[in-house]
Amino acid sequence: MTDTSINVLVLCTGNSARSVLAECLINDLGAGKWKAYSAGSHPTGKVNPLSIEILQEKGHAVEGLRSKSWDEFAAPGAPRMDLVITVCDNAAGEVCPIWPGHPSKVHIGFPDPAAAEGDPEAQLAVFRAVYGQIEAKVKKLIEVGPERAGEV
C-alpha cells in the first residue's frame, strides 16, 4: 500500500452507473486516505445521466467523471492499485488485465440501476436505492480496511 492513500479501482462492464457511484463515494467518504478510480471492460463512453443526477443530489462533485476502459489502468504509468473491486457480476466473471503490483481483488455485487424500467422518477428511485446499498458497503469497507475487503 502507499504511504499517502489506498488506491482502489472499481470495475463494471459499462462504467456508467455502479462503478461511478462507488468511485465518488469512496473518494468522498475516504477523506483523502482512499483514492478511487472506476473503469469498465466494455465502457459505454458516457456516464449515465441518472448517475450524475443522484450524485449531484447527494452533494458529490461530478466534474471530470467519464466512462473509460480498464485498459487505462493496466498501462504503464497508471496509478498502482491496492485493491480492485468488481461491482457487477459480468465484470467479476471476465478475465481482467494483469494489474501492476498485483492488488487484492474482491467482488461486491449490486443490481444494475441502468436496467431500471418505468418513468424517469421510478428509474431515479432505483438509482437512489442502489446508491444507498453502495454507500453502506463503502462505509463498511473504509471501516475494515482493504485487507479485510472480502468481509464487506
C-alpha atoms as a PDB file:
ATOM      1  CA  MET A   1       0.000   0.000   0.000  1.00  0.00           C
ATOM      2  CA  THR A   2       1.064   3.565  -0.488  1.00  0.00           C
ATOM      3  CA  ASP A   3       2.059   5.857   2.339  1.00  0.00           C
ATOM      4  CA  THR A   4      -0.375   8.548   1.277  1.00  0.00           C
ATOM      5  CA  SER A   5      -3.529   6.782   0.177  1.00  0.00           C
ATOM      6  CA  ILE A   6      -5.188   3.473  -0.587  1.00  0.00           C
ATOM      7  CA  ASN A   7      -5.793   3.288  -4.346  1.00  0.00           C
ATOM      8  CA  VAL A   8      -8.929   1.448  -5.409  1.00  0.00           C
ATOM      9  CA  LEU A   9     -10.122   0.570  -8.903  1.00  0.00           C
ATOM     10  CA  VAL A  10     -13.860  -0.105  -9.164  1.00  0.00           C
ATOM     11  CA  LEU A  11     -14.831  -2.156 -12.216  1.00  0.00           C
ATOM     12  CA  CYS A  12     -18.074  -2.830 -14.020  1.00  0.00           C
ATOM     13  CA  THR A  13     -18.870  -3.685 -17.602  1.00  0.00           C
ATOM     14  CA  GLY A  14     -20.143  -0.315 -18.865  1.00  0.00           C
ATOM     15  CA  ASN A  15     -18.612   2.093 -16.302  1.00  0.00           C
ATOM     16  CA  SER A  16     -21.708   4.274 -16.434  1.00  0.00           C
ATOM     17  CA  ALA A  17     -23.519   3.714 -13.124  1.00  0.00           C
ATOM     18  CA  ARG A  18     -22.457   1.419 -10.233  1.00  0.00           C
ATOM     19  CA  SER A  19     -18.708   1.806 -10.633  1.00  0.00           C
ATOM     20  CA  VAL A  20     -19.007   5.581 -10.983  1.00  0.00           C
ATOM     21  CA  LEU A  21     -21.233   5.824  -7.890  1.00  0.00           C
ATOM     22  CA  ALA A  22     -18.726   3.746  -5.924  1.00  0.00           C
ATOM     23  CA  GLU A  23     -15.800   5.834  -7.179  1.00  0.00           C
ATOM     24  CA  CYS A  24     -17.410   9.049  -5.904  1.00  0.00           C
ATOM     25  CA  LEU A  25     -18.449   7.505  -2.596  1.00  0.00           C
ATOM     26  CA  ILE A  26     -15.008   6.053  -1.878  1.00  0.00           C
ATOM     27  CA  ASN A  27     -13.323   9.348  -2.745  1.00  0.00           C
ATOM     28  CA  ASP A  28     -15.654  11.406  -0.558  1.00  0.00           C
ATOM     29  CA  LEU A  29     -16.035   9.023   2.385  1.00  0.00           C
ATOM     30  CA  GLY A  30     -12.353   8.052   2.249  1.00  0.00           C
ATOM     31  CA  ALA A  31     -11.441  11.587   3.305  1.00  0.00           C
ATOM     32  CA  GLY A  32      -8.147  11.693   1.423  1.00  0.00           C
ATOM     33  CA  LYS A  33      -6.979   8.333   2.769  1.00  0.00           C
ATOM     34  CA  TRP A  34      -8.640   6.448  -0.090  1.00  0.00           C
ATOM     35  CA  LYS A  35      -8.385   7.340  -3.798  1.00  0.00           C
ATOM     36  CA  ALA A  36     -10.821   5.620  -6.126  1.00  0.00           C
ATOM     37  CA  TYR A  37     -10.950   5.269  -9.878  1.00  0.00           C
ATOM     38  CA  SER A  38     -13.545   3.489 -11.996  1.00  0.00           C
ATOM     39  CA  ALA A  39     -13.447   1.745 -15.342  1.00  0.00           C
ATOM     40  CA  GLY A  40     -15.255  -0.810 -17.472  1.00  0.00           C
ATOM     41  CA  SER A  41     -14.421  -3.848 -19.537  1.00  0.00           C
ATOM     42  CA  HIS A  42     -16.713  -2.528 -22.304  1.00  0.00           C
ATOM     43  CA  PRO A  43     -17.311   1.126 -21.382  1.00  0.00           C
ATOM     44  CA  THR A  44     -20.421   2.818 -22.729  1.00  0.00           C
ATOM     45  CA  GLY A  45     -18.490   6.009 -23.397  1.00  0.00           C
ATOM     46  CA  LYS A  46     -20.725   8.153 -21.184  1.00  0.00           C
ATOM     47  CA  VAL A  47     -21.794   8.277 -17.569  1.00  0.00           C
ATOM     48  CA  ASN A  48     -25.498   7.540 -17.155  1.00  0.00           C
ATOM     49  CA  PRO A  49     -27.336  10.867 -16.675  1.00  0.00           C
ATOM     50  CA  LEU A  50     -29.207   9.412 -13.691  1.00  0.00           C
ATOM     51  CA  SER A  51     -25.851   8.609 -12.068  1.00  0.00           C
ATOM     52  CA  ILE A  52     -24.919  12.264 -12.435  1.00  0.00           C
ATOM     53  CA  GLU A  53     -28.309  13.337 -11.084  1.00  0.00           C
ATOM     54  CA  ILE A  54     -28.136  11.162  -7.952  1.00  0.00           C
ATOM     55  CA  LEU A  55     -24.517  12.146  -7.280  1.00  0.00           C
ATOM     56  CA  GLN A  56     -25.385  15.845  -7.508  1.00  0.00           C
ATOM     57  CA  GLU A  57     -28.462  15.279  -5.350  1.00  0.00           C
ATOM     58  CA  LYS A  58     -26.221  13.717  -2.687  1.00  0.00           C
ATOM     59  CA  GLY A  59     -23.677  16.549  -2.859  1.00  0.00           C
ATOM     60  CA  HIS A  60     -20.863  14.877  -4.813  1.00  0.00           C
ATOM     61  CA  ALA A  61     -18.732  16.686  -7.370  1.00  0.00           C
ATOM     62  CA  VAL A  62     -19.276  15.256 -10.843  1.00  0.00           C
ATOM     63  CA  GLU A  63     -16.748  17.244 -12.864  1.00  0.00           C
ATOM     64  CA  GLY A  64     -14.337  15.021 -14.717  1.00  0.00           C
ATOM     65  CA  LEU A  65     -16.375  11.829 -14.398  1.00  0.00           C
ATOM     66  CA  ARG A  66     -16.218   9.764 -17.558  1.00  0.00           C
ATOM     67  CA  SER A  67     -16.775   6.233 -18.777  1.00  0.00           C
ATOM     68  CA  LYS A  68     -13.392   4.652 -19.540  1.00  0.00           C
ATOM     69  CA  SER A  69     -11.732   1.339 -20.297  1.00  0.00           C
ATOM     70  CA  TRP A  70      -9.958  -0.688 -17.656  1.00  0.00           C
ATOM     71  CA  ASP A  71      -7.037  -0.845 -20.092  1.00  0.00           C
ATOM     72  CA  GLU A  72      -6.071   2.680 -18.930  1.00  0.00           C
ATOM     73  CA  PHE A  73      -5.246   1.247 -15.515  1.00  0.00           C
ATOM     74  CA  ALA A  74      -3.152  -1.655 -16.811  1.00  0.00           C
ATOM     75  CA  ALA A  75      -0.974   0.637 -18.941  1.00  0.00           C
ATOM     76  CA  PRO A  76       2.488   1.886 -17.991  1.00  0.00           C
ATOM     77  CA  GLY A  77       2.282   4.993 -15.833  1.00  0.00           C
ATOM     78  CA  ALA A  78      -1.159   4.168 -14.425  1.00  0.00           C
ATOM     79  CA  PRO A  79      -1.658   4.573 -10.686  1.00  0.00           C
ATOM     80  CA  ARG A  80      -0.671   1.479  -8.719  1.00  0.00           C
ATOM     81  CA  MET A  81      -3.774  -0.107  -7.208  1.00  0.00           C
ATOM     82  CA  ASP A  82      -4.010  -1.602  -3.736  1.00  0.00           C
ATOM     83  CA  LEU A  83      -7.499  -3.034  -4.276  1.00  0.00           C
ATOM     84  CA  VAL A  84      -9.652  -3.881  -7.298  1.00  0.00           C
ATOM     85  CA  ILE A  85     -13.400  -4.195  -6.708  1.00  0.00           C
ATOM     86  CA  THR A  86     -15.880  -5.574  -9.229  1.00  0.00           C
ATOM     87  CA  VAL A  87     -19.430  -4.330  -8.671  1.00  0.00           C
ATOM     88  CA  CYS A  88     -21.266  -6.251 -11.380  1.00  0.00           C
ATOM     89  CA  ASP A  89     -21.421  -9.979 -11.934  1.00  0.00           C
ATOM     90  CA  ASN A  90     -20.381  -9.721 -15.597  1.00  0.00           C
ATOM     91  CA  ALA A  91     -17.126  -7.910 -14.806  1.00  0.00           C
ATOM     92  CA  ALA A  92     -16.436 -10.325 -11.945  1.00  0.00           C
ATOM     93  CA  GLY A  93     -16.522 -13.236 -14.385  1.00  0.00           C
ATOM     94  CA  GLU A  94     -14.360 -11.651 -17.073  1.00  0.00           C
ATOM     95  CA  VAL A  95     -10.647 -12.161 -17.438  1.00  0.00           C
ATOM     96  CA  CYS A  96      -9.126  -8.953 -16.112  1.00  0.00           C
ATOM     97  CA  PRO A  97      -5.858  -7.428 -17.230  1.00  0.00           C
ATOM     98  CA  ILE A  98      -2.818  -8.066 -15.073  1.00  0.00           C
ATOM     99  CA  TRP A  99      -2.710  -5.126 -12.690  1.00  0.00           C
ATOM    100  CA  PRO A 100       0.707  -3.725 -11.799  1.00  0.00           C
ATOM    101  CA  GLY A 101       1.569  -4.589  -8.202  1.00  0.00           C
ATOM    102  CA  HIS A 102      -0.924  -7.476  -8.092  1.00  0.00           C
ATOM    103  CA  PRO A 103      -3.563  -5.739  -5.926  1.00  0.00           C
ATOM    104  CA  SER A 104      -6.112  -7.597  -3.828  1.00  0.00           C
ATOM    105  CA  LYS A 105      -9.376  -8.325  -5.656  1.00  0.00           C
ATOM    106  CA  VAL A 106     -12.885  -8.575  -4.272  1.00  0.00           C
ATOM    107  CA  HIS A 107     -16.389  -8.781  -5.759  1.00  0.00           C
ATOM    108  CA  ILE A 108     -19.146  -6.717  -4.145  1.00  0.00           C
ATOM    109  CA  GLY A 109     -22.150  -7.021  -6.452  1.00  0.00           C
ATOM    110  CA  PHE A 110     -25.062  -4.631  -6.817  1.00  0.00           C
ATOM    111  CA  PRO A 111     -28.142  -4.611  -9.067  1.00  0.00           C
ATOM    112  CA  ASP A 112     -27.743  -2.569 -12.243  1.00  0.00           C
ATOM    113  CA  PRO A 113     -29.738   0.661 -11.860  1.00  0.00           C
ATOM    114  CA  ALA A 114     -29.220   1.428 -15.552  1.00  0.00           C
ATOM    115  CA  ALA A 115     -31.515  -1.537 -16.292  1.00  0.00           C
ATOM    116  CA  ALA A 116     -34.392   0.068 -14.356  1.00  0.00           C
ATOM    117  CA  GLU A 117     -37.625   0.434 -16.262  1.00  0.00           C
ATOM    118  CA  GLY A 118     -40.576   2.766 -15.875  1.00  0.00           C
ATOM    119  CA  ASP A 119     -40.923   6.523 -15.879  1.00  0.00           C
ATOM    120  CA  PRO A 120     -37.962   8.749 -15.007  1.00  0.00           C
ATOM    121  CA  GLU A 121     -38.981   9.049 -11.341  1.00  0.00           C
ATOM    122  CA  ALA A 122     -39.232   5.263 -10.985  1.00  0.00           C
ATOM    123  CA  GLN A 123     -35.802   4.877 -12.585  1.00  0.00           C
ATOM    124  CA  LEU A 124     -34.345   7.534 -10.284  1.00  0.00           C
ATOM    125  CA  ALA A 125     -35.821   5.688  -7.286  1.00  0.00           C
ATOM    126  CA  VAL A 126     -33.843   2.599  -8.340  1.00  0.00           C
ATOM    127  CA  PHE A 127     -30.674   4.693  -8.622  1.00  0.00           C
ATOM    128  CA  ARG A 128     -31.302   6.075  -5.120  1.00  0.00           C
ATOM    129  CA  ALA A 129     -31.749   2.566  -3.724  1.00  0.00           C
ATOM    130  CA  VAL A 130     -28.573   1.234  -5.356  1.00  0.00           C
ATOM    131  CA  TYR A 131     -26.665   4.350  -4.262  1.00  0.00           C
ATOM    132  CA  GLY A 132     -27.758   3.581  -0.673  1.00  0.00           C
ATOM    133  CA  GLN A 133     -26.562  -0.021  -0.986  1.00  0.00           C
ATOM    134  CA  ILE A 134     -23.199   1.077  -2.362  1.00  0.00           C
ATOM    135  CA  GLU A 135     -22.851   3.742   0.328  1.00  0.00           C
ATOM    136  CA  ALA A 136     -23.408   1.172   3.097  1.00  0.00           C
ATOM    137  CA  LYS A 137     -20.770  -1.178   1.627  1.00  0.00           C
ATOM    138  CA  VAL A 138     -18.261   1.633   1.091  1.00  0.00           C
ATOM    139  CA  LYS A 139     -18.661   2.770   4.706  1.00  0.00           C
ATOM    140  CA  LYS A 140     -18.022  -0.804   5.853  1.00  0.00           C
ATOM    141  CA  LEU A 141     -15.019  -1.135   3.517  1.00  0.00           C
ATOM    142  CA  ILE A 142     -13.433   2.026   4.883  1.00  0.00           C
ATOM    143  CA  GLU A 143     -14.122   0.827   8.426  1.00  0.00           C
ATOM    144  CA  VAL A 144     -12.480  -2.603   7.973  1.00  0.00           C
ATOM    145  CA  GLY A 145      -9.742  -1.582   5.545  1.00  0.00           C
ATOM    146  CA  PRO A 146      -8.557  -3.087   2.282  1.00  0.00           C
ATOM    147  CA  GLU A 147      -7.004  -6.141   3.960  1.00  0.00           C
ATOM    148  CA  ARG A 148     -10.486  -7.263   5.053  1.00  0.00           C
ATOM    149  CA  ALA A 149     -12.397  -6.112   1.961  1.00  0.00           C
ATOM    150  CA  GLY A 150     -13.677  -9.652   1.398  1.00  0.00           C
ATOM    151  CA  GLU A 151     -15.689  -9.365   4.621  1.00  0.00           C
ATOM    152  CA  VAL A 152     -17.718  -6.457   3.276  1.00  0.00           C
END
